Structure formats: C-alpha cells, structure tokens
Amino acid sequence: MAQVPTGAKARCHRCHTVLMTPRQGAMTRIVMLAATAAVLMIAAIFFPFLELQVGGLSRKSSVFDAITAFSASGMLPLSIAVAALIVVLPFARLVAIAYALGPMALGWHPAPQAARAFRWAEATRPWAMAEIFIVGVAVALVKITGLAKVTPGPAFWAFAALVLVTVLKDSFMCRLTVWKTLEERSRS
C-alpha cells in the first residue's frame, strides 16, 4: 500500500471516495473525544432528561427512569433493547475505541487484543443508536409541545453534545490509518 502523507487524502480513482486521510495527532483527539463522549453518556443517563408540565402537574424523567419504567410495566424486552442500544452498546463502543487507540496515541505498542476491540467497535457502530435516539426525541418533543409544556433537562443537552462529539470523533477517524498503525506497531 502506498504511503499517504499526513494531511493528504487518498481517493479511489473510479468513484472518488476518500480512502485514507491521515492527520497529525488524530489518535489523541479520537481518544479524548471518546472519553468526553463517555462522560457525557453517563450524565445523559442519570440526570433529568426532560420535564413535562400538564394541568399543574409536573414530572421529571431520566433515561434510566424510562428504562426501569419499561421493565416495571411488563415490557422487559423493550427495556432491554432500549438499555442495550441507547446506553450499553454506545458506552462499550467508546470504551473499546479508547482501549484500542489509547496506548498508540501515547506512542506505545497496542494493548493486548486492541485489534479485536477496534474490530468489535467498528462492527457495532450501526447498532450504537444514541444519535438516533436524540433525533427521535427531538421529533417527539415537537409533536407533544402542543399538549404539554416540555422543558429539556441537562441530560437532553448532554445527549445533544454527545451527538456532536461523536460526529467530531468520527470525522477525525481514518479507519484505514488506524488498522495500518495497529498492524505496524503490533509487529515492532
């Protein structure tokens, strides 16, 4: 494979898709953004997500409250799906990325099983649906604002920031460069 200089882009000759975009310090940024996203994820789970006010009654709810409410009302499969796809899988994916890239960002050899952790993080990317959740919630909030007063809580804003941090993290990640670095540093 030809070397691509840092800051340059390698494109497919046929379809012009970007294949490689190595950037200086990208691994450090990716690890820091993954750590930031993990902290935001924890905040988004336990802080109040939104407050509904209807007819003088008020109710605050967090994502954790919603998950436990589903399980208490006899919808255990839905509770498990929500917990897995919105909380557990995205958080585990962030941890796997930090585990796989963290030592290399410091200039060290990859951690044991780093390639497997990164492969798993990449394979589960379509299933980590925290971003889809916030889009769905935004649509639902637009629909219900006519029925009740809805006040987004700190967890809503943490989820919104999480989406932005995730997009930024993904924009820094050149998967081909990560694989190449994993391979080179595993051999040396």
Protein backbone atom coordinates (compact mmCIF):
# COMPACT_ATOMS: atom_id res chain seq x y z
CA MET A 1 0.00 0.00 0.00
CA ALA A 2 1.32 3.44 -0.91
CA GLN A 3 2.18 5.88 1.86
CA VAL A 4 -0.19 8.83 2.17
CA PRO A 5 1.43 11.91 3.74
CA THR A 6 -0.18 13.40 6.84
CA GLY A 7 -2.85 15.91 5.88
CA ALA A 8 -3.33 14.48 2.37
CA LYS A 9 -6.24 12.40 1.10
CA ALA A 10 -6.15 9.17 -0.88
CA ARG A 11 -9.18 8.81 -3.18
CA CYS A 12 -10.48 5.99 -5.32
CA HIS A 13 -9.73 6.62 -9.00
CA ARG A 14 -13.14 5.32 -10.06
CA CYS A 15 -15.67 6.68 -7.57
CA HIS A 16 -13.57 9.39 -5.84
CA THR A 17 -14.43 8.08 -2.36
CA VAL A 18 -11.93 9.15 0.29
CA LEU A 19 -9.99 6.05 1.31
CA MET A 20 -7.39 7.50 3.66
CA THR A 21 -6.91 10.82 5.43
CA PRO A 22 -4.06 10.58 7.93
CA ARG A 23 -3.94 13.57 10.30
CA GLN A 24 -1.34 14.64 12.80
CA GLY A 25 -2.49 13.88 16.36
CA ALA A 26 -5.76 12.30 15.23
CA MET A 27 -5.48 9.30 17.57
CA THR A 28 -5.06 11.55 20.59
CA ARG A 29 -8.09 13.59 19.53
CA ILE A 30 -10.15 10.45 18.95
CA VAL A 31 -9.28 9.06 22.39
CA MET A 32 -10.02 12.39 24.09
CA LEU A 33 -13.33 12.74 22.23
CA ALA A 34 -14.26 9.14 23.11
CA ALA A 35 -13.54 9.88 26.79
CA THR A 36 -15.60 13.08 26.57
CA ALA A 37 -18.45 11.17 24.95
CA ALA A 38 -18.31 8.54 27.72
CA VAL A 39 -18.61 11.24 30.41
CA LEU A 40 -21.49 12.86 28.51
CA MET A 41 -23.14 9.44 28.20
CA ILE A 42 -23.03 8.91 31.97
CA ALA A 43 -24.51 12.37 32.54
CA ALA A 44 -27.18 11.77 29.90
CA ILE A 45 -28.30 8.55 31.56
CA PHE A 46 -28.75 9.71 35.12
CA PHE A 47 -29.60 13.44 35.01
CA PRO A 48 -33.18 14.54 34.30
CA PHE A 49 -33.84 14.23 30.58
CA LEU A 50 -36.97 16.33 30.38
CA GLU A 51 -39.77 17.76 32.45
CA LEU A 52 -43.42 17.63 31.41
CA GLN A 53 -45.97 20.03 32.87
CA VAL A 54 -49.68 19.50 32.23
CA GLY A 55 -52.57 20.93 34.21
CA GLY A 56 -50.44 21.93 37.17
CA LEU A 57 -48.75 18.54 37.40
CA SER A 58 -45.06 18.19 36.74
CA ARG A 59 -42.93 15.11 36.07
CA LYS A 60 -39.16 14.87 35.54
CA SER A 61 -37.69 11.77 34.00
CA SER A 62 -34.25 10.47 33.13
CA VAL A 63 -33.23 7.85 30.57
CA PHE A 64 -32.57 5.46 33.47
CA ASP A 65 -36.11 6.12 34.77
CA ALA A 66 -37.54 5.34 31.32
CA ILE A 67 -35.63 2.06 31.12
CA THR A 68 -36.78 0.95 34.57
CA ALA A 69 -40.36 2.07 33.83
CA PHE A 70 -40.48 -0.15 30.75
CA SER A 71 -39.27 -3.14 32.76
CA ALA A 72 -41.75 -2.49 35.58
CA SER A 73 -44.73 -2.23 33.23
CA GLY A 74 -44.25 -5.68 31.71
CA MET A 75 -42.25 -4.59 28.66
CA LEU A 76 -38.99 -6.21 29.65
CA PRO A 77 -37.85 -6.89 26.04
CA LEU A 78 -38.31 -3.19 25.20
CA SER A 79 -36.45 -2.21 28.35
CA ILE A 80 -33.55 -4.48 27.43
CA ALA A 81 -33.48 -3.15 23.84
CA VAL A 82 -33.51 0.48 24.99
CA ALA A 83 -30.78 -0.17 27.56
CA ALA A 84 -28.65 -2.12 25.10
CA LEU A 85 -28.94 0.10 22.03
CA ILE A 86 -29.00 3.52 23.68
CA VAL A 87 -26.80 3.04 26.74
CA VAL A 88 -24.72 -0.15 26.98
CA LEU A 89 -23.60 -0.62 23.38
CA PRO A 90 -22.61 3.03 22.70
CA PHE A 91 -20.75 3.22 26.02
CA ALA A 92 -18.97 -0.11 25.44
CA ARG A 93 -18.06 1.04 21.94
CA LEU A 94 -16.48 4.23 23.31
CA VAL A 95 -14.51 2.19 25.85
CA ALA A 96 -13.34 -0.21 23.12
CA ILE A 97 -12.14 2.69 20.95
CA ALA A 98 -10.28 4.26 23.87
CA TYR A 99 -8.77 0.87 24.76
CA ALA A 100 -7.65 0.16 21.20
CA LEU A 101 -6.25 3.61 20.42
CA GLY A 102 -5.21 4.97 23.83
CA PRO A 103 -1.78 3.33 24.11
CA MET A 104 -0.99 4.12 20.46
CA ALA A 105 -1.96 7.77 20.99
CA LEU A 106 0.78 7.86 23.61
CA GLY A 107 3.24 6.31 21.15
CA TRP A 108 3.22 2.88 22.79
CA HIS A 109 2.54 -0.57 21.39
CA PRO A 110 -1.15 -1.52 21.10
CA ALA A 111 -2.87 -3.00 24.13
CA PRO A 112 -3.46 -6.77 24.11
CA GLN A 113 -6.40 -7.59 21.83
CA ALA A 114 -6.55 -3.96 20.59
CA ALA A 115 -7.28 -5.10 17.04
CA ARG A 116 -10.15 -7.26 18.28
CA ALA A 117 -11.55 -4.38 20.37
CA PHE A 118 -11.38 -1.98 17.42
CA ARG A 119 -12.92 -4.58 15.07
CA TRP A 120 -15.79 -5.04 17.55
CA ALA A 121 -16.24 -1.25 17.87
CA GLU A 122 -16.45 -0.93 14.10
CA ALA A 123 -18.82 -3.90 13.74
CA THR A 124 -21.22 -2.49 16.34
CA ARG A 125 -21.18 1.07 15.01
CA PRO A 126 -24.54 0.72 13.19
CA TRP A 127 -26.14 -0.67 16.36
CA ALA A 128 -25.00 2.06 18.77
CA MET A 129 -28.07 4.25 18.47
CA ALA A 130 -27.59 7.13 20.89
CA GLU A 131 -27.63 9.55 17.95
CA ILE A 132 -30.83 8.08 16.55
CA PHE A 133 -32.41 8.31 19.99
CA ILE A 134 -31.81 12.06 20.26
CA VAL A 135 -33.24 12.65 16.78
CA GLY A 136 -36.33 10.62 17.72
CA VAL A 137 -36.73 12.54 20.96
CA ALA A 138 -36.43 15.86 19.13
CA VAL A 139 -39.20 14.83 16.74
CA ALA A 140 -41.38 13.65 19.63
CA LEU A 141 -40.80 16.92 21.50
CA VAL A 142 -42.01 18.92 18.51
CA LYS A 143 -45.16 16.77 18.39
CA ILE A 144 -46.00 16.99 22.11
CA THR A 145 -45.27 20.68 22.75
CA GLY A 146 -48.87 21.49 21.84
CA LEU A 147 -50.18 19.13 24.53
CA ALA A 148 -47.88 19.95 27.43
CA LYS A 149 -45.11 22.26 28.45
CA VAL A 150 -41.87 20.41 27.81
CA THR A 151 -38.60 21.56 29.35
CA PRO A 152 -35.43 19.78 28.24
CA GLY A 153 -33.21 18.85 31.17
CA PRO A 154 -29.44 18.60 31.47
CA ALA A 155 -29.45 15.03 30.10
CA PHE A 156 -31.12 16.21 26.89
CA TRP A 157 -28.33 18.72 26.35
CA ALA A 158 -25.73 16.10 27.32
CA PHE A 159 -27.18 13.79 24.64
CA ALA A 160 -27.13 16.63 22.11
CA ALA A 161 -23.48 17.34 22.96
CA LEU A 162 -22.79 13.60 22.78
CA VAL A 163 -24.08 13.52 19.21
CA LEU A 164 -21.83 16.44 18.23
CA VAL A 165 -18.78 14.92 19.95
CA THR A 166 -19.46 11.57 18.24
CA VAL A 167 -19.69 13.22 14.83
CA LEU A 168 -16.46 15.10 15.51
CA LYS A 169 -14.75 11.89 16.70
CA ASP A 170 -15.86 10.04 13.58
CA SER A 171 -14.65 12.87 11.35
CA PHE A 172 -11.13 12.55 12.82
CA MET A 173 -11.05 8.78 12.44
CA CYS A 174 -9.39 7.34 9.37
CA ARG A 175 -10.12 3.66 9.84
CA LEU A 176 -7.55 2.53 7.31
CA THR A 177 -4.84 4.52 9.10
CA VAL A 178 -5.91 3.01 12.44
CA TRP A 179 -5.66 -0.52 11.02
CA LYS A 180 -2.31 0.25 9.43
CA THR A 181 -0.96 1.68 12.71
CA LEU A 182 -2.28 -1.29 14.68
CA GLU A 183 -0.54 -3.67 12.29
CA GLU A 184 2.77 -1.78 12.23
CA ARG A 185 3.03 -1.30 15.99
CA SER A 186 2.00 -4.88 16.74
CA ARG A 187 4.97 -6.15 14.71
CA SER A 188 7.61 -3.88 16.22
